[in-house]
Amino acid sequence: MSAQPKPTASAPARVPDGSGTGRRIVYSLGEKRVWMVDASEATRRTFTVWPGTVDPALGTYTISSRNEATTGSDGVQIEHIMYFAAQDGVSVAFSNAVDGSSPPPAASGGKTGGVRMKKADGSALWAFGTVGTTVAVVR
């Protein structure tokens, strides 16, 4: 009797129900995952993220501004910054570290709103998420 082969890759995570329709970015707080969904409801890319210490409230937002590069509140050089929410006086934005690293833990008591991702994912999201693009934040 031969052993059954193990799957080599898991199926991509499904876009969460209740995340809206049409072209959008979906950010799941519970799954720490982002989906890029096109107008035909096809997922163009999905990937995990490292959230900051401040989560946006559940709901629908739009990308309000973009910044090619800056220094994050944690001192890390970041790029592809796309602001979409504010919570507790903290701006919440997608970004990636310029050097491709994952973010270090937030300083004790520090409030950070950066939602960091791998460099390749940040580049793809930057190309997809123009000002005005819908961002659906779900549990």
Protein backbone atom coordinates (compact mmCIF):
# COMPACT_ATOMS: atom_id res chain seq x y z
CA MET A 1 0.00 0.00 0.00
CA SER A 2 1.53 3.33 -1.04
CA ALA A 3 1.27 6.48 0.99
CA GLN A 4 -0.97 9.22 -0.33
CA PRO A 5 0.99 12.25 -1.54
CA LYS A 6 0.62 15.34 0.56
CA PRO A 7 -0.62 18.50 -1.16
CA THR A 8 2.29 20.72 -2.13
CA ALA A 9 0.38 23.99 -1.74
CA SER A 10 -2.80 24.96 0.01
CA ALA A 11 -5.62 26.58 -1.89
CA PRO A 12 -5.57 30.38 -1.86
CA ALA A 13 -7.64 31.90 0.90
CA ARG A 14 -11.13 32.88 -0.25
CA VAL A 15 -12.19 36.52 -0.20
CA PRO A 16 -14.25 37.00 2.99
CA ASP A 17 -18.03 37.22 2.68
CA GLY A 18 -19.43 40.68 3.30
CA SER A 19 -16.39 42.45 1.85
CA GLY A 20 -18.36 44.27 -0.83
CA THR A 21 -18.32 43.97 -4.58
CA GLY A 22 -16.33 45.36 -7.46
CA ARG A 23 -12.69 46.38 -7.65
CA ARG A 24 -11.32 46.69 -4.11
CA ILE A 25 -8.69 45.84 -1.55
CA VAL A 26 -9.94 43.61 1.27
CA TYR A 27 -8.08 43.61 4.58
CA SER A 28 -8.99 40.94 7.15
CA LEU A 29 -7.95 41.84 10.69
CA GLY A 30 -8.45 38.29 11.94
CA GLU A 31 -6.60 36.56 9.11
CA LYS A 32 -3.92 39.28 8.80
CA ARG A 33 -4.41 39.00 5.05
CA VAL A 34 -5.05 41.29 2.09
CA TRP A 35 -6.82 40.48 -1.17
CA MET A 36 -6.67 42.52 -4.38
CA VAL A 37 -10.01 41.95 -6.11
CA ASP A 38 -10.68 43.16 -9.65
CA ALA A 39 -13.98 44.41 -11.13
CA SER A 40 -14.92 40.88 -12.24
CA GLU A 41 -14.63 39.67 -8.61
CA ALA A 42 -11.46 37.69 -9.41
CA THR A 43 -8.71 37.71 -6.80
CA ARG A 44 -5.59 39.09 -8.47
CA ARG A 45 -3.35 38.49 -5.46
CA THR A 46 -3.63 37.63 -1.78
CA PHE A 47 -0.95 37.72 0.89
CA THR A 48 -0.39 37.92 4.64
CA VAL A 49 0.54 41.16 6.39
CA TRP A 50 2.03 42.33 9.69
CA PRO A 51 -0.37 44.83 11.29
CA GLY A 52 0.68 47.64 13.60
CA THR A 53 -0.70 48.03 17.12
CA VAL A 54 -3.74 50.08 16.01
CA ASP A 55 -6.40 48.42 13.87
CA PRO A 56 -8.87 50.42 11.79
CA ALA A 57 -12.55 49.98 12.62
CA LEU A 58 -14.45 47.50 10.47
CA GLY A 59 -15.97 49.19 7.42
CA THR A 60 -15.30 50.62 4.00
CA TYR A 61 -12.66 53.26 3.28
CA THR A 62 -10.85 54.65 0.26
CA ILE A 63 -7.17 55.24 -0.26
CA SER A 64 -6.92 58.94 0.52
CA SER A 65 -3.25 59.58 -0.25
CA ARG A 66 -0.04 57.84 -1.25
CA ASN A 67 3.61 58.46 -0.46
CA GLU A 68 6.43 56.72 -2.32
CA ALA A 69 8.82 56.52 0.64
CA THR A 70 9.42 57.80 4.17
CA THR A 71 10.57 56.64 7.60
CA GLY A 72 7.95 54.75 9.59
CA SER A 73 7.10 55.69 13.16
CA ASP A 74 9.20 52.68 14.21
CA GLY A 75 12.29 54.11 12.46
CA VAL A 76 12.19 51.64 9.53
CA GLN A 77 12.60 53.00 5.98
CA ILE A 78 9.32 52.19 4.21
CA GLU A 79 7.89 52.60 0.73
CA HIS A 80 4.58 52.27 -1.13
CA ILE A 81 2.61 53.94 1.68
CA MET A 82 -1.14 54.09 1.04
CA TYR A 83 -3.23 55.82 3.71
CA PHE A 84 -6.82 54.67 4.09
CA ALA A 85 -8.01 55.17 7.69
CA ALA A 86 -7.37 56.86 11.03
CA GLN A 87 -8.07 55.32 14.42
CA ASP A 88 -7.34 56.76 17.88
CA GLY A 89 -5.38 59.62 16.28
CA VAL A 90 -3.15 57.21 14.34
CA SER A 91 -3.06 57.04 10.53
CA VAL A 92 -3.49 53.53 9.15
CA ALA A 93 -1.65 52.73 5.93
CA PHE A 94 -0.33 49.83 3.88
CA SER A 95 3.46 49.82 3.32
CA ASN A 96 6.52 47.65 3.00
CA ALA A 97 10.03 47.97 4.37
CA VAL A 98 12.51 49.17 1.74
CA ASP A 99 14.94 46.40 2.73
CA GLY A 100 12.18 43.77 2.53
CA SER A 101 12.28 42.91 6.22
CA SER A 102 9.26 42.27 8.39
CA PRO A 103 8.64 45.00 10.95
CA PRO A 104 10.14 44.75 14.41
CA PRO A 105 7.73 44.59 17.36
CA ALA A 106 6.31 47.98 18.29
CA ALA A 107 8.06 49.76 21.12
CA SER A 108 6.41 49.31 24.49
CA GLY A 109 3.28 51.42 24.53
CA GLY A 110 3.84 52.74 21.01
CA LYS A 111 0.90 53.17 18.67
CA THR A 112 1.61 52.21 15.06
CA GLY A 113 -0.87 52.05 12.20
CA GLY A 114 1.36 50.59 9.52
CA VAL A 115 0.11 47.42 7.85
CA ARG A 116 3.38 45.99 6.53
CA MET A 117 3.86 43.40 3.84
CA LYS A 118 6.64 41.74 1.87
CA LYS A 119 8.35 43.95 -0.72
CA ALA A 120 6.88 42.17 -3.77
CA ASP A 121 3.38 42.39 -2.26
CA GLY A 122 3.91 46.09 -1.51
CA SER A 123 4.90 46.75 -5.13
CA ALA A 124 1.83 44.89 -6.42
CA LEU A 125 -0.52 46.69 -4.03
CA TRP A 126 1.03 50.07 -4.96
CA ALA A 127 0.27 49.38 -8.64
CA PHE A 128 -3.30 48.28 -7.82
CA GLY A 129 -4.28 50.79 -5.11
CA THR A 130 -4.57 54.26 -6.57
CA VAL A 131 -6.15 57.18 -4.68
CA GLY A 132 -9.88 56.48 -4.44
CA THR A 133 -9.55 52.68 -4.46
CA THR A 134 -11.98 51.06 -2.01
CA VAL A 135 -10.54 49.29 1.03
CA ALA A 136 -12.91 46.96 2.88
CA VAL A 137 -11.80 46.14 6.44
CA VAL A 138 -13.40 42.95 7.73
CA ARG A 139 -13.02 40.77 10.79
